[in-house]
PDB file of N, CA and C in Angstrom:
ATOM      1  N   MET A   1     128.605  15.569 119.680  1.00  0.00           N
ATOM      2  CA  MET A   1     128.300  16.045 118.354  1.00  0.00           C
ATOM      3  C   MET A   1     129.606  16.165 117.570  1.00  0.00           C
ATOM      4  N   ARG A   2     129.518  15.923 116.271  1.00  0.00           N
ATOM      5  CA  ARG A   2     130.651  16.141 115.386  1.00  0.00           C
ATOM      6  C   ARG A   2     130.126  16.544 114.013  1.00  0.00           C
ATOM      7  N   ALA A   3     130.908  17.326 113.319  1.00  0.00           N
ATOM      8  CA  ALA A   3     130.544  17.714 111.961  1.00  0.00           C
ATOM      9  C   ALA A   3     130.705  16.508 111.046  1.00  0.00           C
ATOM     10  N   ASN A   4     129.852  16.415 110.010  1.00  0.00           N
ATOM     11  CA  ASN A   4     129.977  15.289 109.097  1.00  0.00           C
ATOM     12  C   ASN A   4     129.856  15.667 107.622  1.00  0.00           C
ATOM     13  N   LEU A   5     129.659  16.979 107.340  1.00  0.00           N
ATOM     14  CA  LEU A   5     129.456  17.378 105.949  1.00  0.00           C
ATOM     15  C   LEU A   5     129.851  18.827 105.742  1.00  0.00           C
ATOM     16  N   VAL A   6     130.574  19.085 104.646  1.00  0.00           N
ATOM     17  CA  VAL A   6     130.823  20.432 104.147  1.00  0.00           C
ATOM     18  C   VAL A   6     130.493  20.404 102.660  1.00  0.00           C
ATOM     19  N   VAL A   7     129.686  21.366 102.229  1.00  0.00           N
ATOM     20  CA  VAL A   7     129.349  21.491 100.811  1.00  0.00           C
ATOM     21  C   VAL A   7     129.874  22.836 100.329  1.00  0.00           C
ATOM     22  N   ILE A   8     130.671  22.797  99.287  1.00  0.00           N
ATOM     23  CA  ILE A   8     131.214  24.005  98.678  1.00  0.00           C
ATOM     24  C   ILE A   8     130.470  24.218  97.360  1.00  0.00           C
ATOM     25  N   TYR A   9     129.847  25.375  97.222  1.00  0.00           N
ATOM     26  CA  TYR A   9     129.162  25.742  95.979  1.00  0.00           C
ATOM     27  C   TYR A   9     130.085  26.665  95.197  1.00  0.00           C
ATOM     28  N   THR A  10     130.348  26.327  93.947  1.00  0.00           N
ATOM     29  CA  THR A  10     131.331  27.076  93.161  1.00  0.00           C
ATOM     30  C   THR A  10     130.969  27.099  91.685  1.00  0.00           C
ATOM     31  N   THR A  11     131.463  28.124  91.002  1.00  0.00           N
ATOM     32  CA  THR A  11     131.362  28.175  89.539  1.00  0.00           C
ATOM     33  C   THR A  11     132.604  27.553  88.905  1.00  0.00           C
ATOM     34  N   LYS A  12     133.555  27.143  89.737  1.00  0.00           N
ATOM     35  CA  LYS A  12     134.825  26.572  89.266  1.00  0.00           C
ATOM     36  C   LYS A  12     134.951  25.118  89.727  1.00  0.00           C
ATOM     37  N   MET A  13     134.000  24.307  89.309  1.00  0.00           N
ATOM     38  CA  MET A  13     133.926  22.910  89.765  1.00  0.00           C
ATOM     39  C   MET A  13     135.229  22.148  89.546  1.00  0.00           C
ATOM     40  N   GLU A  14     135.714  22.125  88.328  1.00  0.00           N
ATOM     41  CA  GLU A  14     136.891  21.315  88.015  1.00  0.00           C
ATOM     42  C   GLU A  14     138.141  21.837  88.703  1.00  0.00           C
ATOM     43  N   GLU A  15     138.273  23.162  88.764  1.00  0.00           N
ATOM     44  CA  GLU A  15     139.437  23.745  89.425  1.00  0.00           C
ATOM     45  C   GLU A  15     139.430  23.420  90.914  1.00  0.00           C
ATOM     46  N   CYS A  16     138.255  23.515  91.549  1.00  0.00           N
ATOM     47  CA  CYS A  16     138.154  23.187  92.977  1.00  0.00           C
ATOM     48  C   CYS A  16     138.388  21.701  93.211  1.00  0.00           C
ATOM     49  N   ARG A  17     137.841  20.854  92.354  1.00  0.00           N
ATOM     50  CA  ARG A  17     138.066  19.417  92.501  1.00  0.00           C
ATOM     51  C   ARG A  17     139.556  19.108  92.441  1.00  0.00           C
ATOM     52  N   ALA A  18     140.252  19.695  91.466  1.00  0.00           N
ATOM     53  CA  ALA A  18     141.688  19.447  91.322  1.00  0.00           C
ATOM     54  C   ALA A  18     142.464  19.978  92.529  1.00  0.00           C
ATOM     55  N   PHE A  19     142.104  21.153  93.023  1.00  0.00           N
ATOM     56  CA  PHE A  19     142.794  21.729  94.182  1.00  0.00           C
ATOM     57  C   PHE A  19     142.649  20.841  95.402  1.00  0.00           C
ATOM     58  N   TYR A  20     141.410  20.476  95.744  1.00  0.00           N
ATOM     59  CA  TYR A  20     141.190  19.662  96.944  1.00  0.00           C
ATOM     60  C   TYR A  20     141.722  18.236  96.756  1.00  0.00           C
ATOM     61  N   ALA A  21     141.705  17.735  95.531  1.00  0.00           N
ATOM     62  CA  ALA A  21     142.303  16.421  95.263  1.00  0.00           C
ATOM     63  C   ALA A  21     143.816  16.470  95.496  1.00  0.00           C
ATOM     64  N   SER A  22     144.443  17.622  95.222  1.00  0.00           N
ATOM     65  CA  SER A  22     145.883  17.736  95.444  1.00  0.00           C
ATOM     66  C   SER A  22     146.232  17.676  96.927  1.00  0.00           C
ATOM     67  N   LEU A  23     145.226  17.857  97.791  1.00  0.00           N
ATOM     68  CA  LEU A  23     145.422  17.741  99.241  1.00  0.00           C
ATOM     69  C   LEU A  23     145.139  16.328  99.736  1.00  0.00           C
ATOM     70  N   GLY A  24     144.769  15.445  98.814  1.00  0.00           N
ATOM     71  CA  GLY A  24     144.551  14.055  99.181  1.00  0.00           C
ATOM     72  C   GLY A  24     143.097  13.609  99.220  1.00  0.00           C
ATOM     73  N   LEU A  25     142.154  14.520  98.952  1.00  0.00           N
ATOM     74  CA  LEU A  25     140.759  14.098  98.928  1.00  0.00           C
ATOM     75  C   LEU A  25     140.496  13.325  97.640  1.00  0.00           C
ATOM     76  N   GLU A  26     139.832  12.193  97.756  1.00  0.00           N
ATOM     77  CA  GLU A  26     139.532  11.358  96.595  1.00  0.00           C
ATOM     78  C   GLU A  26     138.062  11.515  96.255  1.00  0.00           C
ATOM     79  N   PHE A  27     137.805  12.272  95.192  1.00  0.00           N
ATOM     80  CA  PHE A  27     136.431  12.578  94.797  1.00  0.00           C
ATOM     81  C   PHE A  27     135.892  11.558  93.814  1.00  0.00           C
ATOM     82  N   ARG A  28     134.590  11.370  93.884  1.00  0.00           N
ATOM     83  CA  ARG A  28     133.891  10.603  92.850  1.00  0.00           C
ATOM     84  C   ARG A  28     132.717  11.455  92.382  1.00  0.00           C
ATOM     85  N   ALA A  29     132.394  11.307  91.123  1.00  0.00           N
ATOM     86  CA  ALA A  29     131.267  12.041  90.552  1.00  0.00           C
ATOM     87  C   ALA A  29     129.969  11.405  91.047  1.00  0.00           C
ATOM     88  N   GLU A  30     128.999  12.256  91.393  1.00  0.00           N
ATOM     89  CA  GLU A  30     127.701  11.779  91.863  1.00  0.00           C
ATOM     90  C   GLU A  30     126.591  12.615  91.254  1.00  0.00           C
ATOM     91  N   ARG A  31     125.413  12.048  91.286  1.00  0.00           N
ATOM     92  CA  ARG A  31     124.191  12.769  90.927  1.00  0.00           C
ATOM     93  C   ARG A  31     123.041  12.030  91.587  1.00  0.00           C
ATOM     94  N   HIS A  32     122.228  12.752  92.321  1.00  0.00           N
ATOM     95  CA  HIS A  32     121.099  12.149  93.025  1.00  0.00           C
ATOM     96  C   HIS A  32     119.799  12.575  92.351  1.00  0.00           C
ATOM     97  N   GLY A  33     119.114  11.633  91.730  1.00  0.00           N
ATOM     98  CA  GLY A  33     117.845  11.943  91.074  1.00  0.00           C
ATOM     99  C   GLY A  33     118.014  13.024  90.031  1.00  0.00           C
ATOM    100  N   ASP A  34     117.189  14.061  90.131  1.00  0.00           N
ATOM    101  CA  ASP A  34     117.245  15.173  89.183  1.00  0.00           C
ATOM    102  C   ASP A  34     118.213  16.268  89.625  1.00  0.00           C
ATOM    103  N   GLY A  35     118.957  16.029  90.712  1.00  0.00           N
ATOM    104  CA  GLY A  35     119.903  17.025  91.217  1.00  0.00           C
ATOM    105  C   GLY A  35     121.069  17.209  90.280  1.00  0.00           C
ATOM    106  N   PRO A  36     121.878  18.225  90.539  1.00  0.00           N
ATOM    107  CA  PRO A  36     123.008  18.500  89.653  1.00  0.00           C
ATOM    108  C   PRO A  36     124.158  17.509  89.864  1.00  0.00           C
ATOM    109  N   PRO A  37     124.925  17.263  88.820  1.00  0.00           N
ATOM    110  CA  PRO A  37     126.147  16.474  88.994  1.00  0.00           C
ATOM    111  C   PRO A  37     127.077  17.225  89.946  1.00  0.00           C
ATOM    112  N   HIS A  38     127.770  16.483  90.788  1.00  0.00           N
ATOM    113  CA  HIS A  38     128.683  17.089  91.756  1.00  0.00           C
ATOM    114  C   HIS A  38     129.757  16.075  92.121  1.00  0.00           C
ATOM    115  N   TYR A  39     130.669  16.487  92.989  1.00  0.00           N
ATOM    116  CA  TYR A  39     131.732  15.601  93.452  1.00  0.00           C
ATOM    117  C   TYR A  39     131.611  15.399  94.958  1.00  0.00           C
ATOM    118  N   ALA A  40     131.961  14.203  95.418  1.00  0.00           N
ATOM    119  CA  ALA A  40     131.942  13.895  96.850  1.00  0.00           C
ATOM    120  C   ALA A  40     133.187  13.109  97.212  1.00  0.00           C
ATOM    121  N   ALA A  41     133.751  13.471  98.373  1.00  0.00           N
ATOM    122  CA  ALA A  41     134.884  12.741  98.943  1.00  0.00           C
ATOM    123  C   ALA A  41     134.505  12.369 100.366  1.00  0.00           C
ATOM    124  N   VAL A  42     134.669  11.096 100.704  1.00  0.00           N
ATOM    125  CA  VAL A  42     134.365  10.619 102.052  1.00  0.00           C
ATOM    126  C   VAL A  42     135.688  10.329 102.751  1.00  0.00           C
ATOM    127  N   LEU A  43     135.927  11.031 103.853  1.00  0.00           N
ATOM    128  CA  LEU A  43     137.153  10.831 104.617  1.00  0.00           C
ATOM    129  C   LEU A  43     137.017   9.594 105.501  1.00  0.00           C
ATOM    130  N   GLY A  44     138.106   9.144 106.070  1.00  0.00           N
ATOM    131  CA  GLY A  44     138.148   7.913 106.854  1.00  0.00           C
ATOM    132  C   GLY A  44     137.168   7.854 107.998  1.00  0.00           C
ATOM    133  N   ASP A  45     136.847   9.010 108.594  1.00  0.00           N
ATOM    134  CA  ASP A  45     135.927   9.020 109.730  1.00  0.00           C
ATOM    135  C   ASP A  45     134.482   9.248 109.304  1.00  0.00           C
ATOM    136  N   GLY A  46     134.225   9.215 107.984  1.00  0.00           N
ATOM    137  CA  GLY A  46     132.869   9.404 107.480  1.00  0.00           C
ATOM    138  C   GLY A  46     132.521  10.839 107.147  1.00  0.00           C
ATOM    139  N   PHE A  47     133.418  11.783 107.408  1.00  0.00           N
ATOM    140  CA  PHE A  47     133.191  13.187 107.074  1.00  0.00           C
ATOM    141  C   PHE A  47     133.161  13.319 105.554  1.00  0.00           C
ATOM    142  N   VAL A  48     132.177  14.041 105.029  1.00  0.00           N
ATOM    143  CA  VAL A  48     132.000  14.169 103.586  1.00  0.00           C
ATOM    144  C   VAL A  48     132.263  15.611 103.152  1.00  0.00           C
ATOM    145  N   VAL A  49     133.059  15.747 102.089  1.00  0.00           N
ATOM    146  CA  VAL A  49     133.286  17.043 101.461  1.00  0.00           C
ATOM    147  C   VAL A  49     132.688  16.942 100.067  1.00  0.00           C
ATOM    148  N   GLU A  50     131.765  17.863  99.745  1.00  0.00           N
ATOM    149  CA  GLU A  50     131.136  17.860  98.429  1.00  0.00           C
ATOM    150  C   GLU A  50     131.396  19.179  97.726  1.00  0.00           C
ATOM    151  N   ILE A  51     131.498  19.098  96.408  1.00  0.00           N
ATOM    152  CA  ILE A  51     131.643  20.280  95.566  1.00  0.00           C
ATOM    153  C   ILE A  51     130.460  20.284  94.602  1.00  0.00           C
ATOM    154  N   TYR A  52     129.652  21.329  94.719  1.00  0.00           N
ATOM    155  CA  TYR A  52     128.439  21.474  93.910  1.00  0.00           C
ATOM    156  C   TYR A  52     128.550  22.691  93.008  1.00  0.00           C
ATOM    157  N   PRO A  53     127.883  22.649  91.848  1.00  0.00           N
ATOM    158  CA  PRO A  53     127.863  23.844  91.012  1.00  0.00           C
ATOM    159  C   PRO A  53     127.006  24.928  91.673  1.00  0.00           C
ATOM    160  N   ALA A  54     127.523  26.163  91.637  1.00  0.00           N
ATOM    161  CA  ALA A  54     126.747  27.290  92.153  1.00  0.00           C
ATOM    162  C   ALA A  54     125.654  27.600  91.127  1.00  0.00           C
ATOM    163  N   ALA A  55     124.432  27.711  91.592  1.00  0.00           N
ATOM    164  CA  ALA A  55     123.320  28.029  90.705  1.00  0.00           C
ATOM    165  C   ALA A  55     122.577  29.223  91.284  1.00  0.00           C
ATOM    166  N   GLY A  56     122.167  30.120  90.410  1.00  0.00           N
ATOM    167  CA  GLY A  56     121.392  31.261  90.856  1.00  0.00           C
ATOM    168  C   GLY A  56     122.130  32.141  91.851  1.00  0.00           C
ATOM    169  N   GLY A  57     123.437  32.323  91.654  1.00  0.00           N
ATOM    170  CA  GLY A  57     124.214  33.166  92.554  1.00  0.00           C
ATOM    171  C   GLY A  57     124.508  32.531  93.892  1.00  0.00           C
ATOM    172  N   ARG A  58     124.254  31.261  94.030  1.00  0.00           N
ATOM    173  CA  ARG A  58     124.457  30.549  95.295  1.00  0.00           C
ATOM    174  C   ARG A  58     125.870  29.995  95.361  1.00  0.00           C
ATOM    175  N   GLU A  59     126.819  30.883  95.691  1.00  0.00           N
ATOM    176  CA  GLU A  59     128.210  30.475  95.842  1.00  0.00           C
ATOM    177  C   GLU A  59     128.591  30.493  97.308  1.00  0.00           C
ATOM    178  N   THR A  60     129.465  29.586  97.690  1.00  0.00           N
ATOM    179  CA  THR A  60     129.989  29.610  99.046  1.00  0.00           C
ATOM    180  C   THR A  60     130.968  30.773  99.117  1.00  0.00           C
ATOM    181  N   GLY A  61     130.695  31.716  99.980  1.00  0.00           N
ATOM    182  CA  GLY A  61     131.544  32.897 100.104  1.00  0.00           C
ATOM    183  C   GLY A  61     132.733  32.629 101.001  1.00  0.00           C
ATOM    184  N   ALA A  62     133.088  33.648 101.762  1.00  0.00           N
ATOM    185  CA  ALA A  62     134.248  33.551 102.651  1.00  0.00           C
ATOM    186  C   ALA A  62     134.079  32.361 103.588  1.00  0.00           C
ATOM    187  N   LEU A  63     135.082  31.535 103.619  1.00  0.00           N
ATOM    188  CA  LEU A  63     135.053  30.323 104.416  1.00  0.00           C
ATOM    189  C   LEU A  63     136.496  29.927 104.660  1.00  0.00           C
ATOM    190  N   ARG A  64     136.766  29.397 105.824  1.00  0.00           N
ATOM    191  CA  ARG A  64     138.116  28.881 106.094  1.00  0.00           C
ATOM    192  C   ARG A  64     137.968  27.426 106.488  1.00  0.00           C
ATOM    193  N   LEU A  65     138.639  26.568 105.745  1.00  0.00           N
ATOM    194  CA  LEU A  65     138.624  25.138 106.006  1.00  0.00           C
ATOM    195  C   LEU A  65     139.990  24.722 106.518  1.00  0.00           C
ATOM    196  N   GLY A  66     140.038  23.635 107.245  1.00  0.00           N
ATOM    197  CA  GLY A  66     141.305  23.113 107.722  1.00  0.00           C
ATOM    198  C   GLY A  66     141.376  21.612 107.535  1.00  0.00           C
ATOM    199  N   PHE A  67     142.531  21.143 107.087  1.00  0.00           N
ATOM    200  CA  PHE A  67     142.759  19.715 106.900  1.00  0.00           C
ATOM    201  C   PHE A  67     144.113  19.343 107.478  1.00  0.00           C
ATOM    202  N   GLU A  68     144.191  18.177 108.068  1.00  0.00           N
ATOM    203  CA  GLU A  68     145.459  17.607 108.500  1.00  0.00           C
ATOM    204  C   GLU A  68     145.741  16.436 107.577  1.00  0.00           C
ATOM    205  N   VAL A  69     146.909  16.457 106.948  1.00  0.00           N
ATOM    206  CA  VAL A  69     147.251  15.432 105.969  1.00  0.00           C
ATOM    207  C   VAL A  69     148.623  14.857 106.277  1.00  0.00           C
ATOM    208  N   THR A  70     148.888  13.681 105.741  1.00  0.00           N
ATOM    209  CA  THR A  70     150.172  13.025 105.960  1.00  0.00           C
ATOM    210  C   THR A  70     150.901  12.867 104.637  1.00  0.00           C
ATOM    211  N   GLY A  71     152.141  13.325 104.625  1.00  0.00           N
ATOM    212  CA  GLY A  71     153.057  13.067 103.519  1.00  0.00           C
ATOM    213  C   GLY A  71     152.591  13.450 102.139  1.00  0.00           C
ATOM    214  N   LEU A  72     152.285  14.717 101.909  1.00  0.00           N
ATOM    215  CA  LEU A  72     151.964  15.156 100.555  1.00  0.00           C
ATOM    216  C   LEU A  72     153.252  15.581  99.858  1.00  0.00           C
ATOM    217  N   PRO A  73     153.581  14.976  98.716  1.00  0.00           N
ATOM    218  CA  PRO A  73     154.856  15.270  98.062  1.00  0.00           C
ATOM    219  C   PRO A  73     155.001  16.725  97.617  1.00  0.00           C
ATOM    220  N   ASP A  74     153.911  17.392  97.268  1.00  0.00           N
ATOM    221  CA  ASP A  74     153.993  18.767  96.771  1.00  0.00           C
ATOM    222  C   ASP A  74     153.909  19.814  97.873  1.00  0.00           C
ATOM    223  N   HIS A  75     153.798  19.393  99.125  1.00  0.00           N
ATOM    224  CA  HIS A  75     153.651  20.326 100.235  1.00  0.00           C
ATOM    225  C   HIS A  75     154.638  19.948 101.345  1.00  0.00           C
ATOM    226  N   PRO A  76     155.465  20.899 101.780  1.00  0.00           N
ATOM    227  CA  PRO A  76     156.427  20.590 102.848  1.00  0.00           C
ATOM    228  C   PRO A  76     155.713  20.396 104.182  1.00  0.00           C
ATOM    229  N   PRO A  77     156.323  19.649 105.110  1.00  0.00           N
ATOM    230  CA  PRO A  77     155.718  19.478 106.438  1.00  0.00           C
ATOM    231  C   PRO A  77     155.509  20.823 107.122  1.00  0.00           C
ATOM    232  N   GLY A  78     154.484  20.887 107.942  1.00  0.00           N
ATOM    233  CA  GLY A  78     154.173  22.101 108.685  1.00  0.00           C
ATOM    234  C   GLY A  78     152.813  22.654 108.309  1.00  0.00           C
ATOM    235  N   ARG A  79     152.547  23.849 108.799  1.00  0.00           N
ATOM    236  CA  ARG A  79     151.258  24.513 108.587  1.00  0.00           C
ATOM    237  C   ARG A  79     151.382  25.497 107.427  1.00  0.00           C
ATOM    238  N   GLN A  80     150.395  25.443 106.546  1.00  0.00           N
ATOM    239  CA  GLN A  80     150.332  26.357 105.414  1.00  0.00           C
ATOM    240  C   GLN A  80     148.906  26.846 105.272  1.00  0.00           C
ATOM    241  N   VAL A  81     148.741  28.058 104.818  1.00  0.00           N
ATOM    242  CA  VAL A  81     147.414  28.546 104.461  1.00  0.00           C
ATOM    243  C   VAL A  81     147.435  28.780 102.959  1.00  0.00           C
ATOM    244  N   LEU A  82     146.614  28.011 102.256  1.00  0.00           N
ATOM    245  CA  LEU A  82     146.522  28.095 100.805  1.00  0.00           C
ATOM    246  C   LEU A  82     145.200  28.747 100.435  1.00  0.00           C
ATOM    247  N   LEU A  83     145.080  29.185  99.197  1.00  0.00           N
ATOM    248  CA  LEU A  83     143.817  29.705  98.698  1.00  0.00           C
ATOM    249  C   LEU A  83     143.294  28.762  97.633  1.00  0.00           C
ATOM    250  N   ASP A  84     142.019  28.383  97.759  1.00  0.00           N
ATOM    251  CA  ASP A  84     141.430  27.534  96.725  1.00  0.00           C
ATOM    252  C   ASP A  84     141.105  28.399  95.509  1.00  0.00           C
ATOM    253  N   PRO A  85     140.647  27.810  94.396  1.00  0.00           N
ATOM    254  CA  PRO A  85     140.406  28.587  93.178  1.00  0.00           C
ATOM    255  C   PRO A  85     139.410  29.738  93.341  1.00  0.00           C
ATOM    256  N   ASP A  86     138.557  29.683  94.357  1.00  0.00           N
ATOM    257  CA  ASP A  86     137.607  30.772  94.611  1.00  0.00           C
ATOM    258  C   ASP A  86     138.131  31.768  95.631  1.00  0.00           C
ATOM    259  N   GLY A  87     139.358  31.561  96.132  1.00  0.00           N
ATOM    260  CA  GLY A  87     139.945  32.483  97.089  1.00  0.00           C
ATOM    261  C   GLY A  87     139.639  32.187  98.543  1.00  0.00           C
ATOM    262  N   ARG A  88     139.054  31.009  98.841  1.00  0.00           N
ATOM    263  CA  ARG A  88     138.796  30.617 100.226  1.00  0.00           C
ATOM    264  C   ARG A  88     140.091  30.151 100.877  1.00  0.00           C
ATOM    265  N   ALA A  89     140.300  30.531 102.139  1.00  0.00           N
ATOM    266  CA  ALA A  89     141.497  30.108 102.871  1.00  0.00           C
ATOM    267  C   ALA A  89     141.348  28.641 103.280  1.00  0.00           C
ATOM    268  N   VAL A  90     142.390  27.864 103.019  1.00  0.00           N
ATOM    269  CA  VAL A  90     142.417  26.459 103.388  1.00  0.00           C
ATOM    270  C   VAL A  90     143.703  26.232 104.173  1.00  0.00           C
ATOM    271  N   GLU A  91     143.528  25.952 105.472  1.00  0.00           N
ATOM    272  CA  GLU A  91     144.672  25.708 106.336  1.00  0.00           C
ATOM    273  C   GLU A  91     145.033  24.225 106.253  1.00  0.00           C
ATOM    274  N   VAL A  92     146.291  23.968 105.933  1.00  0.00           N
ATOM    275  CA  VAL A  92     146.749  22.590 105.748  1.00  0.00           C
ATOM    276  C   VAL A  92     147.888  22.326 106.719  1.00  0.00           C
ATOM    277  N   HIS A  93     147.717  21.301 107.542  1.00  0.00           N
ATOM    278  CA  HIS A  93     148.773  20.844 108.444  1.00  0.00           C
ATOM    279  C   HIS A  93     149.326  19.558 107.846  1.00  0.00           C
ATOM    280  N   VAL A  94     150.527  19.649 107.309  1.00  0.00           N
ATOM    281  CA  VAL A  94     151.143  18.494 106.662  1.00  0.00           C
ATOM    282  C   VAL A  94     152.059  17.799 107.673  1.00  0.00           C
ATOM    283  N   ARG A  95     151.760  16.541 107.932  1.00  0.00           N
ATOM    284  CA  ARG A  95     152.591  15.700 108.799  1.00  0.00           C
ATOM    285  C   ARG A  95     153.595  14.976 107.901  1.00  0.00           C
ATOM    286  N   GLY A  96     154.823  14.852 108.372  1.00  0.00           N
ATOM    287  CA  GLY A  96     155.879  14.199 107.584  1.00  0.00           C
ATOM    288  C   GLY A  96     155.707  12.711 107.472  1.00  0.00           C
TER     289      GLY A  96
END
């Protein structure tokens, strides 16, 4: 078994998209049928990260995510714990 999807529900769509994009996720805008517009990023192994608008108080609360990335110019090599725009902890392992 392996995980293949994380959906983040937020009232700060653009801020979250920009934050996670700064970690190297490449989002595209999507909309399925009558569903809400949202963003999706598909990683190399098929793992999908989506950012959806929170509706009716449906926000993703406390959550800790982790990503391993290679060569991000704005982040020094090593382990960092950052906070996304909603205050969720995001552990980033930057490889040189």
